[in-house]
Protein backbone atom coordinates (compact mmCIF):
# COMPACT_ATOMS: atom_id res chain seq x y z
CA MET A 1 225.95 38.94 241.30
CA LYS A 2 223.45 41.67 240.11
CA LYS A 3 220.54 39.41 238.80
CA LEU A 4 220.14 40.37 235.24
CA LEU A 5 216.79 38.50 235.17
CA GLN A 6 214.40 36.65 237.49
CA LYS A 7 215.56 33.37 237.68
CA ILE A 8 212.88 30.38 237.75
CA VAL A 9 213.27 27.58 239.69
CA VAL A 10 212.27 24.15 238.69
CA ALA A 11 211.15 21.68 241.46
CA SER A 12 211.48 18.85 239.34
CA ILE A 13 213.40 17.51 236.04
CA GLY A 14 212.53 15.04 234.06
CA VAL A 15 209.00 13.27 233.38
CA SER A 16 207.19 16.04 235.50
CA LEU A 17 209.18 18.52 233.45
CA VAL A 18 208.42 16.87 229.89
CA LEU A 19 204.50 16.52 230.92
CA GLY A 20 204.81 20.37 231.78
CA LEU A 21 205.64 21.31 227.99
CA SER A 22 201.86 21.47 227.23
CA THR A 23 201.44 24.67 229.21
CA THR A 24 204.79 26.29 227.83
CA THR A 25 204.07 29.30 225.65
CA TYR A 26 206.09 32.09 224.26
CA ALA A 27 205.24 35.66 223.23
CA LYS A 28 208.39 35.51 220.95
CA SER A 29 209.89 32.20 219.97
CA VAL A 30 213.07 33.35 218.32
CA TYR A 31 215.60 35.78 219.27
CA SER A 32 218.23 37.45 217.86
CA ILE A 33 221.73 38.16 219.43
CA ASP A 34 220.97 41.52 219.85
CA ASP A 35 217.70 40.86 221.79
CA LEU A 36 219.77 38.27 223.92
CA LEU A 37 222.80 40.56 224.65
CA VAL A 38 223.36 41.31 228.21
CA LYS A 39 226.93 42.86 227.85
CA GLU A 40 229.97 42.58 225.75
CA LEU A 41 232.66 41.59 227.82
CA THR A 42 236.07 41.56 225.86
CA SER A 43 237.54 41.16 222.44
CA GLU A 44 241.30 41.42 223.91
CA TYR A 45 241.21 38.04 225.52
CA ASP A 46 239.66 34.96 225.29
CA TYR A 47 237.45 32.82 226.78
CA VAL A 48 238.41 30.04 228.64
CA GLU A 49 235.85 28.91 231.46
CA ARG A 50 233.45 30.15 233.61
CA TYR A 51 232.49 29.68 237.34
CA GLY A 52 229.71 31.31 238.74
CA ASP A 53 230.38 35.03 238.37
CA ILE A 54 234.07 34.59 237.35
CA VAL A 55 235.47 33.83 233.95
CA ILE A 56 239.17 32.54 233.25
CA ILE A 57 240.59 34.36 230.20
CA ALA A 58 243.74 33.50 228.21
CA GLU A 59 246.12 35.80 226.08
CA LEU A 60 248.63 34.16 224.01
CA VAL A 61 252.20 35.28 224.22
CA LYS A 62 255.63 33.88 222.68
CA LYS A 63 257.84 31.89 224.47
CA GLU A 64 260.70 29.88 223.47
CA ILE A 65 261.24 26.37 224.32
CA VAL A 66 263.93 24.00 224.44
CA TYR A 67 262.97 20.66 222.63
CA ASN A 68 265.47 17.99 221.38
CA GLY A 69 268.33 20.15 221.69
CA GLU A 70 266.74 22.98 219.90
CA THR A 71 265.07 26.18 220.88
CA ILE A 72 261.83 26.62 219.28
CA THR A 73 259.86 29.79 219.72
CA SER A 74 256.21 28.86 220.00
CA SER A 75 252.85 30.72 221.37
CA SER A 76 251.66 29.76 225.11
CA PRO A 77 248.56 30.84 226.70
CA ILE A 78 248.82 32.98 230.13
CA TYR A 79 245.77 33.41 232.12
CA GLY A 80 243.61 35.85 234.22
CA LEU A 81 240.31 36.31 235.52
CA MET A 82 237.53 38.83 234.41
CA ASN A 83 233.90 39.03 236.08
CA ILE A 84 230.58 38.75 234.21
CA ASP A 85 230.51 42.52 234.06
CA GLY A 86 233.53 42.37 232.22
CA LYS A 87 235.89 44.03 234.38
CA ILE A 88 239.51 42.26 234.68
CA VAL A 89 240.29 41.09 237.91
CA ILE A 90 243.60 39.93 236.93
CA LYS A 91 245.41 40.72 233.73
CA PRO A 92 246.69 37.43 232.20
CA GLN A 93 250.13 36.61 233.55
CA TYR A 94 249.98 33.14 235.18
CA SER A 95 250.80 29.89 233.47
CA ASP A 96 247.72 27.92 234.84
CA ILE A 97 244.50 29.28 236.78
CA GLN A 98 241.94 26.22 238.17
CA ASN A 99 239.04 26.53 239.89
CA VAL A 100 239.46 24.71 243.41
CA GLY A 101 236.52 26.01 245.15
CA GLU A 102 233.78 28.29 245.22
CA ASP A 103 235.06 31.75 244.07
CA ARG A 104 238.59 30.15 244.84
CA PHE A 105 241.18 29.75 242.29
CA SER A 106 244.68 28.37 242.34
CA VAL A 107 247.64 30.08 240.07
CA LEU A 108 250.50 28.85 239.06
CA THR A 109 253.46 31.16 238.62
CA ASP A 110 256.66 30.59 236.22
CA GLU A 111 259.97 32.21 237.71
CA ASN A 112 262.46 30.92 235.11
CA GLY A 113 261.32 27.60 235.02
CA THR A 114 260.18 27.25 238.51
CA TYR A 115 256.54 26.92 238.80
CA THR A 116 255.08 27.62 242.25
CA TYR A 117 251.31 27.73 243.13
CA GLY A 118 249.02 30.05 245.21
CA LEU A 119 245.70 30.79 245.89
CA VAL A 120 243.45 33.72 244.92
CA ASN A 121 239.88 34.75 245.13
CA GLY A 122 237.55 35.88 242.72
CA SER A 123 238.09 39.54 243.60
CA GLY A 124 241.70 39.04 242.59
CA LYS A 125 243.03 38.99 246.09
CA THR A 126 245.78 36.78 246.98
CA LEU A 127 244.93 34.58 250.07
CA VAL A 128 247.71 32.17 249.76
CA GLN A 129 251.04 33.41 248.66
CA PRO A 130 252.57 31.25 245.47
CA ILE A 131 255.55 29.24 247.31
CA TYR A 132 253.95 25.62 247.01
CA SER A 133 254.90 22.76 244.18
CA PHE A 134 251.28 22.13 243.95
CA LEU A 135 247.73 23.21 245.73
CA GLY A 136 244.99 21.32 245.41
CA GLN A 137 241.01 21.40 245.56
CA GLY A 138 239.58 22.82 248.36
CA SER A 139 237.17 21.59 251.16
CA ASP A 140 236.31 22.70 254.29
CA GLY A 141 238.31 26.02 254.32
CA LEU A 142 241.26 23.31 253.90
CA TYR A 143 243.50 23.14 250.65
CA PRO A 144 246.40 20.36 250.21
CA VAL A 145 249.76 21.34 249.27
CA ARG A 146 253.22 20.30 248.64
CA LYS A 147 256.23 22.23 248.94
CA SER A 148 259.85 21.60 247.59
CA GLY A 149 262.29 20.01 250.46
CA THR A 150 259.48 18.74 252.23
CA THR A 151 257.70 15.05 252.73
CA GLY A 152 254.28 14.52 252.37
CA VAL A 153 251.27 17.17 252.20
CA ALA A 154 250.19 19.85 254.20
CA TYR A 155 247.07 21.72 254.55
CA VAL A 156 246.80 25.26 254.46
CA ASN A 157 244.00 27.46 255.38
CA GLU A 158 242.37 30.57 253.02
CA SER A 159 244.80 32.63 255.56
CA GLY A 160 248.00 30.87 254.10
CA THR A 161 248.22 29.08 257.44
CA ILE A 162 249.44 25.70 257.85
CA VAL A 163 246.69 23.96 259.61
CA ILE A 164 247.68 20.32 259.06
CA PRO A 165 251.44 20.36 258.68
CA PHE A 166 253.84 18.22 256.64
CA SER A 167 253.65 14.71 257.59
CA SER A 168 254.45 11.12 256.41
CA TYR A 169 250.97 10.95 254.67
CA ASN A 170 250.35 11.43 250.90
CA VAL A 171 246.77 12.99 250.98
CA ILE A 172 245.62 12.19 247.45
CA SER A 173 242.30 13.97 247.51
CA GLY A 174 240.69 17.12 249.08
CA PHE A 175 238.19 16.48 252.03
CA SER A 176 234.92 14.72 251.08
CA GLU A 177 232.25 14.30 253.85
CA GLY A 178 235.21 15.52 256.44
CA LEU A 179 237.37 13.00 255.51
CA ALA A 180 240.59 13.00 252.53
CA LEU A 181 242.25 9.93 251.27
CA ASN A 182 245.70 9.42 251.55
CA THR A 183 248.45 6.78 251.42
CA ASP A 184 251.35 6.33 253.84
CA CYS A 185 254.72 8.19 252.36
CA PRO A 186 256.97 6.40 250.76
CA TYR A 187 254.09 4.61 248.94
CA THR A 188 253.63 0.69 249.65
CA GLU A 189 250.70 -1.42 248.85
CA ASN A 190 247.82 -1.67 251.13
CA THR A 191 248.34 1.78 252.55
CA TYR A 192 244.91 3.47 251.66
CA GLY A 193 243.13 4.99 254.57
CA TYR A 194 241.57 8.24 255.52
CA ILE A 195 242.17 11.41 257.90
CA ASP A 196 240.03 14.19 259.32
CA THR A 197 240.52 18.12 259.04
CA LYS A 198 242.63 17.86 261.92
CA GLY A 199 244.95 15.65 260.32
CA ASN A 200 243.94 12.69 262.38
CA LYS A 201 244.38 9.06 261.40
CA VAL A 202 240.88 8.05 261.66
CA ILE A 203 240.77 5.08 259.14
CA GLU A 204 243.94 3.25 259.48
CA SER A 205 246.35 2.24 256.07
CA MET A 206 244.23 -0.84 255.59
CA TYR A 207 243.18 -1.04 251.83
CA GLU A 208 244.72 -2.19 248.47
CA SER A 209 242.79 1.07 246.74
CA ALA A 210 240.44 3.61 247.82
CA ASN A 211 238.03 6.89 246.41
CA SER A 212 236.83 9.62 248.41
CA PHE A 213 233.09 9.26 249.78
CA SER A 214 230.12 10.28 248.20
CA GLU A 215 226.61 10.11 249.78
CA GLY A 216 228.23 8.52 253.19
CA LEU A 217 230.38 5.54 251.34
CA ALA A 218 233.61 5.05 249.87
CA LYS A 219 234.68 2.25 247.47
CA VAL A 220 237.46 0.26 249.04
CA GLN A 221 239.61 -2.90 247.46
CA ILE A 222 239.97 -6.02 249.83
CA ASN A 223 241.73 -9.13 248.32
CA GLY A 224 241.17 -7.79 245.00
CA LYS A 225 237.49 -7.03 245.37
CA THR A 226 235.64 -4.35 245.49
CA GLY A 227 233.16 -3.05 248.36
CA PHE A 228 232.03 -0.08 249.97
CA ILE A 229 233.06 1.73 253.86
CA ASN A 230 231.12 4.25 255.50
CA THR A 231 232.57 6.87 256.97
CA SER A 232 232.70 4.81 260.50
CA ASN A 233 234.94 2.35 258.37
CA LYS A 234 232.37 -0.18 258.26
CA LEU A 235 231.85 -2.38 255.19
CA VAL A 236 228.06 -1.44 253.93
CA VAL A 237 228.52 -3.16 250.90
CA SER A 238 230.58 -6.57 250.88
CA ALA A 239 233.75 -6.64 249.02
CA ILE A 240 232.29 -9.49 246.21
CA TYR A 241 232.87 -7.21 243.08
CA ASP A 242 235.56 -7.11 240.67
CA SER A 243 238.30 -4.65 240.97
CA PHE A 244 238.13 -1.17 239.28
CA ALA A 245 241.68 -0.68 239.09
CA GLY A 246 242.92 -0.15 235.63
CA ALA A 247 239.23 -0.39 234.43
CA VAL A 248 238.72 1.67 231.05
CA ASP A 249 235.33 2.79 232.03
CA SER A 250 234.79 5.83 234.72
CA ASP A 251 235.28 4.48 238.06
CA PRO A 252 231.79 5.25 239.57
CA ARG A 253 230.44 6.90 242.38
CA PHE A 254 227.41 6.82 244.33
CA THR A 255 224.78 9.41 242.99
CA ASN A 256 221.47 9.88 243.69
CA GLY A 257 221.45 6.60 245.80
CA TYR A 258 222.56 4.15 243.22
CA CYS A 259 226.28 3.03 242.04
CA ALA A 260 227.83 0.99 238.94
CA VAL A 261 229.76 -1.91 239.66
CA VAL A 262 231.26 -5.09 238.13
CA LYS A 263 230.27 -8.84 238.68
CA ASN A 264 232.09 -11.56 236.59
CA GLY A 265 233.01 -8.91 234.05
CA TYR A 266 229.98 -7.15 233.46
CA TRP A 267 228.53 -3.93 235.14
CA GLY A 268 225.11 -3.78 236.86
CA TYR A 269 223.87 -1.44 239.46
CA ILE A 270 223.33 -1.47 243.44
CA ASP A 271 221.36 0.69 245.83
CA LYS A 272 223.31 1.73 249.22
CA THR A 273 222.38 -1.36 251.23
CA GLY A 274 223.82 -3.17 248.29
CA LYS A 275 221.13 -4.58 246.99
CA GLU A 276 221.41 -5.55 243.06
CA VAL A 277 218.77 -3.28 240.98
CA SER A 278 219.56 -4.71 237.74
CA ASP A 279 221.24 -7.43 235.51
CA PHE A 280 224.85 -7.22 235.18
CA ILE A 281 224.73 -7.51 231.47
CA TYR A 282 226.25 -4.34 230.36
CA THR A 283 229.79 -3.56 228.99
CA SER A 284 229.96 -0.13 230.54
CA ALA A 285 227.78 1.65 232.81
CA GLY A 286 227.46 5.39 233.81
CA ASN A 287 226.16 7.51 236.87
CA VAL A 288 222.77 7.77 237.81
CA SER A 289 221.03 11.27 236.54
CA GLU A 290 217.28 11.80 236.59
CA GLY A 291 216.70 8.33 237.94
CA ILE A 292 218.26 6.86 234.57
CA ALA A 293 221.72 5.78 233.54
CA LEU A 294 223.54 5.22 230.29
CA VAL A 295 224.73 1.68 229.51
CA SER A 296 226.38 -0.44 226.82
CA GLN A 297 226.23 -3.50 225.20
CA MET A 298 228.24 -4.99 222.46
CA VAL A 299 225.56 -5.59 219.26
CA ASP A 300 227.03 -7.59 216.25
CA GLY A 301 230.61 -6.60 217.29
CA THR A 302 230.14 -3.06 218.01
CA LYS A 303 229.46 -1.13 221.30
CA LYS A 304 225.92 0.23 221.34
CA TYR A 305 224.61 2.51 224.14
CA GLY A 306 221.08 2.56 226.00
CA TYR A 307 219.50 3.71 229.24
CA ILE A 308 217.78 1.90 231.98
CA ASP A 309 215.92 2.81 235.08
CA MET A 310 216.93 2.05 238.63
CA LYS A 311 214.46 -0.75 238.91
CA GLY A 312 216.33 -2.35 236.09
CA ASN A 313 213.64 -1.65 233.54
CA GLU A 314 214.88 -0.74 229.75
CA ILE A 315 214.54 2.81 228.51
CA THR A 316 215.95 2.35 225.14
CA PRO A 317 217.67 -1.03 224.04
CA CYS A 318 221.45 -0.52 223.49
CA MET A 319 220.75 0.88 219.73
CA TYR A 320 222.75 4.35 219.98
CA ILE A 321 226.50 4.94 218.56
CA ASN A 322 226.88 7.69 221.11
CA GLY A 323 224.78 8.89 224.49
CA TYR A 324 225.14 11.41 226.74
CA ASP A 325 223.53 11.78 230.53
CA PHE A 326 220.07 12.89 231.16
CA SER A 327 219.66 16.29 232.35
CA CYS A 328 216.34 18.67 232.06
CA GLY A 329 214.72 15.13 230.87
CA ARG A 330 216.54 15.12 227.59
CA ALA A 331 219.69 12.90 226.87
CA LEU A 332 222.04 13.72 223.46
CA VAL A 333 222.11 10.63 221.25
CA SER A 334 223.44 9.45 217.79
CA ASN A 335 222.58 6.65 215.78
CA HIS A 336 225.55 7.26 213.52
CA ALA A 337 229.22 7.30 213.59
CA MET A 338 229.62 10.58 211.58
CA ALA A 339 226.74 12.67 212.69
CA TYR A 340 223.00 12.49 213.43
CA TYR A 341 222.46 13.80 216.61
CA GLY A 342 219.46 14.34 218.34
CA TYR A 343 217.51 13.98 221.46
CA ILE A 344 215.44 11.91 223.49
CA ASP A 345 213.06 12.01 226.79
CA THR A 346 212.83 9.87 229.94
CA THR A 347 210.44 7.49 228.03
CA GLY A 348 212.68 6.98 225.21
CA LYS A 349 211.22 8.98 222.23
CA VAL A 350 213.01 10.90 220.14
CA VAL A 351 211.86 14.51 220.63
CA VAL A 352 214.47 16.36 218.51
CA ASP A 353 215.03 14.56 215.45
CA LEU A 354 218.48 12.89 214.99
CA ASN A 355 219.55 14.96 211.88
CA LEU A 356 221.69 17.27 213.99
CA SER A 357 225.86 17.46 213.33
CA ARG A 358 228.47 17.04 215.80
CA GLY A 359 229.12 19.78 218.54
CA CYS A 360 225.73 19.53 220.16
CA GLU A 361 225.73 19.98 224.35
CA SER A 362 223.34 18.61 226.71
CA TYR A 363 220.64 20.77 227.90
CA THR A 364 220.92 23.39 231.10
CA GLU A 365 218.30 25.54 232.21
CA ASN A 366 215.89 23.79 229.30
CA VAL A 367 218.54 25.23 226.27
CA ALA A 368 220.72 23.18 224.39
CA SER A 369 223.32 24.43 222.42
CA ILE A 370 223.61 22.83 218.70
CA VAL A 371 225.11 22.74 215.39
CA SER A 372 222.85 22.55 212.45
CA GLY A 373 224.81 22.61 209.15
CA SER A 374 227.32 25.67 209.06
CA TYR A 375 225.10 27.29 212.04
CA SER A 376 225.37 27.54 215.82
CA MET A 377 222.24 27.97 217.61
CA TYR A 378 220.44 27.35 220.72
CA ILE A 379 217.15 25.19 221.10
CA GLY A 380 214.47 24.61 223.77
CA LEU A 381 212.78 21.24 225.08
CA ASP A 382 210.48 21.03 222.06
CA GLY A 383 213.42 21.42 219.43
CA GLN A 384 212.58 24.38 218.12
CA SER A 385 215.19 27.22 217.67
CA VAL A 386 215.27 30.00 220.15
CA THR A 387 217.91 31.98 218.37
CA THR A 388 218.27 33.42 215.25
CA CYS A 389 220.24 31.21 212.64
CA ASP A 390 222.34 34.49 211.43
CA VAL A 391 225.29 34.30 213.85
CA LYS A 392 227.88 31.28 214.02
CA PHE A 393 229.24 31.27 217.83
CA THR A 394 232.89 30.45 217.48
CA ASP A 395 232.39 28.99 221.34
CA PHE A 396 229.54 28.86 223.30
CA GLU A 397 228.71 27.48 227.14
CA GLU A 398 225.95 26.29 229.04
CA PHE A 399 223.75 28.88 230.64
CA GLN A 400 224.37 29.31 234.41
CA GLU A 401 221.65 31.22 236.83
CA GLY A 402 219.91 32.31 233.28
CA THR A 403 223.18 33.64 231.41
CA ALA A 404 226.01 32.03 229.29
CA VAL A 405 229.18 33.01 228.02
CA VAL A 406 229.77 33.36 223.88
CA THR A 407 232.16 33.99 221.60
CA ILE A 408 231.32 35.52 218.40
CA GLY A 409 234.59 36.20 216.09
CA SER A 410 236.90 37.55 218.48
CA ASP A 411 234.28 38.68 220.63
CA VAL A 412 233.25 37.61 223.89
CA SER A 413 229.87 38.53 225.70
CA LEU A 414 227.55 37.79 227.73
CA ILE A 415 223.83 36.90 226.58
CA ARG A 416 220.68 35.96 228.72
CA ASN A 417 218.99 32.54 228.49
CA PRO A 418 216.04 33.12 226.08
CA ILE A 419 213.67 30.68 227.76
CA LEU A 420 213.88 32.79 230.92
CA GLU A 421 212.64 35.73 229.06
CA SER A 422 209.87 38.04 230.68
CA ASP A 423 207.41 37.18 228.62
CA TYR A 424 207.77 33.85 228.98
CA THR A 425 204.98 31.60 231.11
CA TYR A 426 205.73 28.63 232.65
CA GLU A 427 203.26 26.67 234.88
CA GLU A 428 205.05 24.77 237.72
CA PRO A 429 204.93 20.93 237.53
CA LYS A 430 204.09 18.79 240.32
CA GLU A 431 207.19 17.45 241.58
CA GLU A 432 207.43 13.77 241.05
CA VAL A 433 208.55 12.35 244.61
CA ILE A 434 210.85 9.46 244.44
CA GLU A 435 210.67 7.64 247.69
CA GLU A 436 214.50 6.61 248.66
CA VAL A 437 213.92 3.35 250.60
CA ILE A 438 217.60 2.72 251.92
CA GLU A 439 217.03 0.25 255.03
CA GLU A 440 219.31 0.50 258.05
CA VAL A 441 222.02 -2.01 258.13
CA VAL A 442 222.80 -3.52 261.26
CA GLU A 443 226.01 -4.80 260.76
CA PRO A 444 227.28 -4.19 257.36
CA THR A 445 229.33 -6.54 255.51
CA ALA A 446 231.76 -4.79 253.03
CA THR A 447 232.91 -1.44 251.64
CA THR A 448 231.65 1.20 249.58
CA ASP A 449 233.26 4.08 246.87
CA ILE A 450 232.74 7.20 245.01
CA SER A 451 235.42 8.40 243.41
CA SER A 452 237.44 11.08 244.24
CA GLU A 453 236.72 14.85 243.36
CA SER A 454 238.92 15.98 240.87
CA SER A 455 241.85 18.23 241.68
CA ALA A 456 243.76 20.71 240.16
CA THR A 457 247.04 18.74 240.78
CA ILE A 458 247.06 15.48 242.46
CA THR A 459 249.36 12.45 243.15
CA VAL A 460 248.93 9.46 240.50
CA SER A 461 250.53 6.09 240.05
CA PRO A 462 251.70 4.24 236.83
CA THR A 463 249.13 2.06 235.36
CA SER A 464 249.79 -1.59 236.38
CA ALA A 465 247.92 -3.27 233.59
CA LYS A 466 249.29 -4.83 230.41
CA VAL A 467 247.75 -3.33 227.19
CA GLN A 468 247.42 -5.06 224.30
CA VAL A 469 246.79 -3.85 220.54
CA ASP A 470 244.83 -6.17 218.28
CA GLY A 471 246.55 -9.02 220.52
CA SER A 472 250.16 -7.76 220.74
CA THR A 473 251.34 -6.32 223.66
CA ILE A 474 252.91 -2.98 223.88
CA ALA A 475 254.60 -1.34 226.75
CA PHE A 476 253.52 2.26 227.50
CA GLU A 477 254.06 4.65 230.29
CA ALA A 478 250.41 5.31 231.36
CA TYR A 479 248.75 6.49 234.52
CA THR A 480 245.82 5.39 236.30
CA ILE A 481 243.79 8.44 237.67
CA ASP A 482 240.10 7.62 239.39
CA GLY A 483 240.09 4.52 237.64
CA ASN A 484 240.88 5.46 234.07
CA ASN A 485 243.75 4.94 232.41
CA TYR A 486 245.53 8.09 230.61
CA PHE A 487 248.18 7.53 227.81
CA LYS A 488 250.51 10.08 225.78
CA LEU A 489 248.66 11.05 222.71
CA ARG A 490 251.61 10.31 220.12
CA ASP A 491 252.37 6.85 222.14
CA VAL A 492 248.71 6.04 221.20
CA ALA A 493 249.36 7.54 217.72
CA LYS A 494 252.65 5.35 217.38
CA ALA A 495 251.02 2.19 218.50
CA LEU A 496 248.09 2.51 216.04
CA SER A 497 250.18 3.62 213.15
CA GLU A 498 250.12 0.19 211.53
CA THR A 499 246.68 -0.35 212.27
CA ASP A 500 243.19 0.06 210.47
CA CYS A 501 242.72 3.26 212.98
CA LYS A 502 245.78 4.80 212.40
CA PHE A 503 245.89 8.55 212.57
CA SER A 504 247.90 11.76 212.08
CA VAL A 505 248.94 14.24 214.71
CA GLY A 506 249.20 17.88 213.85
CA TYR A 507 249.09 21.63 214.90
CA ASP A 508 247.06 24.13 213.54
CA SER A 509 248.19 27.35 214.24
CA THR A 510 244.98 29.23 213.43
CA THR A 511 242.92 27.76 216.09
CA ARG A 512 245.96 27.05 218.28
CA SER A 513 244.82 23.61 218.60
CA THR A 514 246.17 20.00 218.03
CA THR A 515 244.64 18.01 215.34
CA LEU A 516 244.11 14.54 214.47
CA THR A 517 243.22 13.23 211.08
CA SER A 518 242.02 9.63 210.93
CA GLY A 519 243.59 7.46 207.87
CA GLU A 520 246.57 9.49 207.51
CA ASN A 521 250.15 8.37 208.51
CA TYR A 522 251.54 9.14 211.69
CA ALA A 523 254.79 10.90 211.41
CA SER A 524 256.87 9.87 214.35
CA SER A 525 258.78 12.20 216.44
CA GLY A 526 261.10 10.26 218.12
CA THR A 527 259.84 10.29 221.44
CA GLU A 528 257.31 7.88 221.91
CA LEU A 529 256.75 4.81 223.83
CA LEU A 530 259.23 5.76 226.18
CA LEU A 531 259.06 4.18 229.52
CA GLY A 532 258.75 5.92 232.96
CA ASP A 533 260.72 5.30 235.84
CA GLY A 534 257.92 3.66 237.25
CA THR A 535 257.08 5.91 240.35
CA GLN A 536 254.12 8.09 241.65
CA LYS A 537 253.72 11.43 239.55
CA THR A 538 252.33 14.88 240.43
CA ALA A 539 249.72 15.30 237.55
CA THR A 540 247.70 18.72 236.92
CA LYS A 541 244.43 18.72 235.84
CA SER A 542 243.56 20.55 232.45
CA SER A 543 241.16 21.00 229.44
CA ILE A 544 242.63 20.90 225.86
CA ASN A 545 240.69 21.78 222.18
CA LEU A 546 241.66 18.54 219.72
CA TYR A 547 240.53 19.08 216.46
CA ILE A 548 239.56 15.90 215.03
CA ASN A 549 238.92 15.34 211.22
CA GLY A 550 237.92 18.89 211.46
CA ASN A 551 235.51 18.96 214.25
CA GLN A 552 236.43 20.65 217.61
CA LYS A 553 236.63 18.52 220.60
CA LYS A 554 237.63 18.99 224.44
CA PHE A 555 239.18 16.60 226.27
CA ILE A 556 239.96 16.43 230.18
CA THR A 557 244.04 16.04 230.11
CA TYR A 558 246.48 15.72 232.70
CA GLY A 559 249.90 17.03 232.93
CA ILE A 560 252.81 14.98 233.73
CA ASP A 561 256.28 15.71 233.66
CA GLY A 562 255.82 18.05 230.74
CA TYR A 563 253.48 15.98 228.67
CA GLY A 564 249.61 15.55 228.03
CA TYR A 565 247.97 12.23 229.14
CA TYR A 566 244.82 11.54 227.52
CA LYS A 567 241.86 9.20 228.62
CA LEU A 568 242.31 5.85 226.68
CA ARG A 569 238.23 5.95 226.88
CA ASP A 570 238.16 9.21 225.22
CA LEU A 571 240.59 8.76 222.41
CA GLY A 572 239.02 5.16 221.58
CA ASP A 573 235.43 6.75 221.41
CA ALA A 574 236.86 9.64 219.42
CA LEU A 575 238.87 7.69 216.91
CA GLY A 576 237.11 4.59 216.36
CA PHE A 577 238.87 1.71 218.30
CA ASP A 578 237.44 -0.63 220.90
CA ILE A 579 239.05 -1.17 224.26
CA ALA A 580 237.98 -3.88 226.57
CA TRP A 581 239.19 -4.90 230.05
CA ASP A 582 240.16 -8.67 230.90
CA SER A 583 240.34 -8.95 234.47
CA SER A 584 241.51 -12.51 234.26
CA THR A 585 244.75 -11.19 233.16
CA SER A 586 244.74 -7.43 234.09
CA THR A 587 244.81 -6.57 230.61
CA ILE A 588 243.45 -3.38 228.76
CA GLN A 589 242.73 -4.81 225.03
CA ILE A 590 242.81 -2.48 222.08
CA ASP A 591 241.07 -3.82 219.06
CA THR A 592 241.16 -1.66 216.11
CA LYS A 593 238.77 -3.84 213.96
CA ALA A 594 235.85 -4.11 215.93
CA THR A 595 234.32 -0.98 215.20
CA THR A 596 234.38 1.86 212.38
CA THR A 597 236.37 4.91 212.83
CA THR A 598 234.02 7.70 214.67
CA THR A 599 235.14 11.14 215.11
CA SER A 600 233.08 11.98 218.30
CA SER A 601 233.80 11.92 221.74
CA ASN A 602 230.32 11.73 223.41
CA THR A 603 230.23 8.33 224.24
CA SER A 604 232.21 8.82 227.45
CA THR A 605 229.76 7.88 230.47
CA THR A 606 231.01 10.22 232.60
CA ASP A 607 230.98 14.12 231.02
CA THR A 608 234.53 14.98 230.55
CA THR A 609 234.19 18.18 228.41
CA THR A 610 234.36 21.54 229.51
CA ASN A 611 234.46 24.95 228.02
CA SER A 612 237.66 25.54 228.40
CA GLY A 613 239.55 26.44 224.79
CA TYR A 614 242.81 25.93 226.51
CA THR A 615 245.17 23.28 228.00
CA SER A 616 246.37 24.57 231.63
CA PHE A 617 249.98 22.77 230.82
CA ASN A 618 252.71 23.56 228.40
CA ALA A 619 250.82 23.92 225.11
CA PHE A 620 254.14 22.82 223.53
CA GLY A 621 254.17 19.43 225.88
CA ASP A 622 250.76 18.77 225.06
CA LEU A 623 251.10 18.96 221.20
CA PHE A 624 253.93 16.23 221.20
CA GLY A 625 252.47 14.17 224.43
């Protein structure tokens, strides 16, 4: 990549960076798009997602789809690749493109309804021919693949050579720290184990459930309890914590030496020795970022969010309706269900007033994209605008290595970070040294875990938990993915159609997006709440735009058997229904009367948004999914 501007590396984010603000000066504080424009990339194609120097692009084409015996013409996206110099690397032609490694992308071909996956690099060179029924996230130069007519999963290298042959194992994660999670094939209970990069079974299939390794530890379940193991299969954290299986909050992993776990129905934190570093009093808990974690409690019947550090100290009480993880010493929060977003620093002080509209994003490279009134702009750490208000971005992304891809009208362009301008001076803050004290465990006593890295395509199992809506049991076809429950959108709409949280599902041809409107009656399509066959399925990860009460939101979804499945927690946060987990009865409880209707999905304890404006699955399927 040609360096467009000098990159400033910040040694320490967080409090040190905040204290360094007094040394920050600007020769010019507000920039126009013309000031920041590096290059106009394309007006022919739509921007989907950027990965380093490569941008996934899309083009809408008309396609005939048979639905309920009728042939319907629908516009569906096809995908290609472009570099940040504006050169089209692969003209849009694929049904899906997913990033599966650094400068590596899986591509999905459609030959008369037969879908096959292959692998290309960022230069457009085909590395693996599109002959597989799925190709997953790569690691250590190996990619899990399935092929019609074969059993289990194989691994191919970047020359297309099968390194680990098809076997009796179902690999359900990419390699992490040299090991891949797998189950026996056919699937039976208590068959989770791990293989190495040569295909050797190094940890036998012995766990009720498990996740990929992170920071040397992986979560496993023994006799219904959760613990953590190391890569030698020794229990490092005893299996004394509640099961995460079927939990409605994100399945945590060790990050920065800490992990959220559940005890007696409440969340708290442990370190890598198993030492409990916080009280277990929270209804949800996120990953640790910059030494601080987002947590929630019920306050007067409403879930509220706050922040704690890893000494158990309260940074802010649980007082916010929405909250995000810290980045660049700032966290995005909201104190109102309908709007009023702002930013706090690592001491809990409000540094950007809570008067911003929806659509604000977290800080990256000391800049955040915000929406104020009818305008979109970027702000610095001090909350002051660093771009003029005369242009409304159709879409804009976080900065990566000093540049960002933005869409203005139909033009996709590359702009540079105004904070990294050459006339910007910055005094390097003293690096805050946080001593990591991890005692050597002579005889580990339990297991450890980390949720698996997301793959482009994975194998998923039906959710075993019961579901109740306002106390009434309703049968759904749902799947558990990384500890989260995923449901069809229209199934949820149908189930809530007679409640206070009812919402309509529509389609806006102008934005090419599904629309949800709170309080409107739901029009049934007749396909809701149909049960599946109870077997494992192949799920394809994607992202999709939804317009909820007129506001754009982006969700991670999984395509399963032609339908889009959405995380129940994301839908609850966006549409205002509350979700609880009853571990004693293994029941997901949806309560439509506990909270007021909201229009934001920012409360997710893990960041599930992307900049992708397209779903990677069939657009028509997602519309009716």
